[in-house]
Amino acid sequence: MEPWVAWLLVAALLGIAEMFTLTLALGLLAVAALAAGLAGALGLPLAAQVAVFALGSLAGLVVVRPIARRHIAQPPPLRSGTAALVGREATTLTEVNRQGGRARIGGEEWTARPYDPDLVIPAGAVADVLAIEGATALLYWVSSSDEEQP
C-alpha cells in the first residue's frame, strides 16, 4: 500500500474518532494526516510526509485548538431590549389590574397588567417583571402583611 493512502486512512479514522469525542484534538490530527497524505501523493518521500504531519499536528494543537476552544466557550450573549427587563423590579405608579395600569421599570414608564388576571396590584407596590408582551409589562406581586390590599 502506498504511504499516502495510509495517511488518508489515518485521517479518515481520526475524523470519525473526533465525531465521537468532540475534543478538537483528533480532528486537527486528521487534518495533519490529510496534509501528509497530500504530500505523499505529490511524490515527497516518507520522511517529508512525517515532517508535514508533525508540523501540521503541532500547529493545530498549539495554535488552532486554543483559539477554537476560546470561541466555543464564550459566555452567553447579553440580554438587551425587552428581554433585559424580565426579572427586574417594577414600581407601580397606578393600580394595576386586568384592564391595565402604569409601572416604572428601570427609570421608564410602562403600561402594565398583572400576570395573574385576578390579581390587583396597588399603586406604589414593588412587583417583579415576569414577561413583556408588546409594550406591556406583566407583573407579579406578593402582598406582605404590612401593606394594605384594596
Protein backbone atom coordinates (compact mmCIF):
# COMPACT_ATOMS: atom_id res chain seq x y z
CA MET A 1 0.00 0.00 0.00
CA GLU A 2 1.27 3.45 -0.86
CA PRO A 3 2.14 5.62 2.16
CA TRP A 4 -0.17 8.43 1.05
CA VAL A 5 -3.15 6.02 1.05
CA ALA A 6 -2.25 5.02 4.60
CA TRP A 7 -2.23 8.71 5.58
CA LEU A 8 -5.72 9.14 4.10
CA LEU A 9 -6.97 6.13 6.05
CA VAL A 10 -5.46 7.50 9.24
CA ALA A 11 -7.10 10.87 8.50
CA ALA A 12 -10.48 9.20 8.00
CA LEU A 13 -10.19 7.19 11.22
CA LEU A 14 -9.14 10.25 13.21
CA GLY A 15 -12.03 12.23 11.72
CA ILE A 16 -14.50 9.55 12.74
CA ALA A 17 -12.99 9.38 16.22
CA GLU A 18 -13.32 13.16 16.52
CA MET A 19 -17.06 12.91 15.87
CA PHE A 20 -17.39 10.66 18.93
CA THR A 21 -15.08 12.57 21.29
CA LEU A 22 -15.58 16.23 20.27
CA THR A 23 -12.19 17.17 21.74
CA LEU A 24 -10.99 19.17 18.70
CA ALA A 25 -7.63 17.39 19.03
CA LEU A 26 -8.37 14.35 16.88
CA GLY A 27 -9.91 16.50 14.15
CA LEU A 28 -6.77 18.62 13.95
CA LEU A 29 -4.64 15.48 13.79
CA ALA A 30 -6.89 14.26 10.97
CA VAL A 31 -6.21 17.47 9.04
CA ALA A 32 -2.47 17.00 9.59
CA ALA A 33 -2.71 13.39 8.33
CA LEU A 34 -4.63 14.63 5.30
CA ALA A 35 -1.84 17.15 4.59
CA ALA A 36 0.75 14.37 4.93
CA GLY A 37 -1.27 12.23 2.52
CA LEU A 38 -1.37 15.09 0.05
CA ALA A 39 2.42 15.47 0.40
CA GLY A 40 2.80 11.75 -0.31
CA ALA A 41 0.51 11.95 -3.33
CA LEU A 42 2.73 14.74 -4.69
CA GLY A 43 5.69 12.36 -4.53
CA LEU A 44 7.51 13.58 -1.42
CA PRO A 45 9.49 10.91 0.48
CA LEU A 46 8.15 9.31 3.68
CA ALA A 47 10.43 11.47 5.88
CA ALA A 48 8.92 14.63 4.37
CA GLN A 49 5.41 13.23 4.89
CA VAL A 50 6.16 12.56 8.57
CA ALA A 51 7.56 16.10 8.89
CA VAL A 52 4.40 17.55 7.31
CA PHE A 53 2.29 15.53 9.74
CA ALA A 54 4.39 16.59 12.74
CA LEU A 55 4.35 20.29 11.80
CA GLY A 56 0.64 20.21 10.99
CA SER A 57 -0.16 18.46 14.27
CA LEU A 58 1.96 20.88 16.27
CA ALA A 59 0.47 23.93 14.58
CA GLY A 60 -3.07 22.62 15.01
CA LEU A 61 -2.74 21.64 18.65
CA VAL A 62 -0.68 24.62 19.78
CA VAL A 63 -2.20 27.42 17.69
CA VAL A 64 -5.62 26.48 16.33
CA ARG A 65 -7.07 24.41 19.21
CA PRO A 66 -6.76 27.10 21.94
CA ILE A 67 -8.36 29.67 19.65
CA ALA A 68 -11.20 27.30 18.76
CA ARG A 69 -11.80 26.40 22.41
CA ARG A 70 -12.00 30.09 23.36
CA HIS A 71 -14.64 30.67 20.69
CA ILE A 72 -16.66 27.66 21.82
CA ALA A 73 -16.51 28.65 25.50
CA GLN A 74 -17.76 32.22 25.06
CA PRO A 75 -20.24 33.47 27.66
CA PRO A 76 -23.87 33.71 26.67
CA PRO A 77 -24.84 36.89 24.86
CA LEU A 78 -26.05 39.79 26.95
CA ARG A 79 -29.78 40.26 27.13
CA SER A 80 -30.93 43.51 25.61
CA GLY A 81 -34.16 45.24 24.72
CA THR A 82 -37.29 43.99 26.43
CA ALA A 83 -35.62 40.68 27.35
CA ALA A 84 -33.33 42.61 29.71
CA LEU A 85 -36.35 43.84 31.67
CA VAL A 86 -37.61 40.38 32.60
CA GLY A 87 -36.67 39.64 36.20
CA ARG A 88 -36.29 43.28 37.22
CA GLU A 89 -38.34 45.09 39.80
CA ALA A 90 -41.11 47.50 38.85
CA THR A 91 -42.79 50.14 40.97
CA THR A 92 -46.46 50.60 40.18
CA LEU A 93 -47.47 54.20 39.53
CA THR A 94 -51.19 53.45 39.39
CA GLU A 95 -53.28 50.50 40.45
CA VAL A 96 -52.55 47.61 38.09
CA ASN A 97 -55.41 45.25 37.31
CA ARG A 98 -56.57 43.17 34.36
CA GLN A 99 -57.61 46.34 32.47
CA GLY A 100 -54.12 47.81 32.83
CA GLY A 101 -52.11 50.31 34.78
CA ARG A 102 -48.73 52.04 34.78
CA ALA A 103 -45.38 50.98 36.27
CA ARG A 104 -41.85 52.34 36.36
CA ILE A 105 -39.18 49.85 35.27
CA GLY A 106 -35.56 50.99 35.24
CA GLY A 107 -36.49 54.66 35.03
CA GLU A 108 -39.00 54.20 32.20
CA GLU A 109 -42.77 54.26 32.43
CA TRP A 110 -44.52 51.18 31.02
CA THR A 111 -48.08 50.05 30.64
CA ALA A 112 -48.59 47.08 32.92
CA ARG A 113 -51.03 44.40 33.91
CA PRO A 114 -50.77 41.55 36.38
CA TYR A 115 -49.53 38.17 35.20
CA ASP A 116 -52.41 36.63 37.14
CA PRO A 117 -55.56 38.33 35.75
CA ASP A 118 -57.33 38.06 39.14
CA LEU A 119 -54.55 39.95 40.94
CA VAL A 120 -54.85 43.66 41.74
CA ILE A 121 -51.59 45.44 42.50
CA PRO A 122 -51.93 48.74 44.38
CA ALA A 123 -50.13 51.94 43.41
CA GLY A 124 -46.68 52.22 44.95
CA ALA A 125 -46.13 48.47 45.23
CA VAL A 126 -42.90 46.84 44.13
CA ALA A 127 -43.53 43.93 41.77
CA ASP A 128 -41.43 41.61 39.62
CA VAL A 129 -41.50 41.74 35.81
CA LEU A 130 -42.30 38.21 34.59
CA ALA A 131 -42.68 38.96 30.89
CA ILE A 132 -43.07 41.69 28.31
CA GLU A 133 -45.90 41.40 25.77
CA GLY A 134 -45.58 44.10 23.16
CA ALA A 135 -45.34 47.33 25.16
CA THR A 136 -46.98 45.90 28.28
CA ALA A 137 -45.12 44.54 31.28
CA LEU A 138 -46.66 41.54 33.01
CA LEU A 139 -46.11 41.93 36.74
CA TYR A 140 -46.21 39.57 39.70
CA TRP A 141 -46.67 40.85 43.21
CA VAL A 142 -46.89 39.12 46.56
CA SER A 143 -48.61 41.22 49.19
CA SER A 144 -46.89 41.48 52.54
CA SER A 145 -48.68 41.76 55.85
CA ASP A 146 -47.62 45.40 56.39
CA GLU A 147 -49.12 46.55 53.08
CA GLU A 148 -52.85 47.00 52.78
CA GLN A 149 -54.70 45.39 49.93
CA PRO A 150 -57.57 47.31 48.32
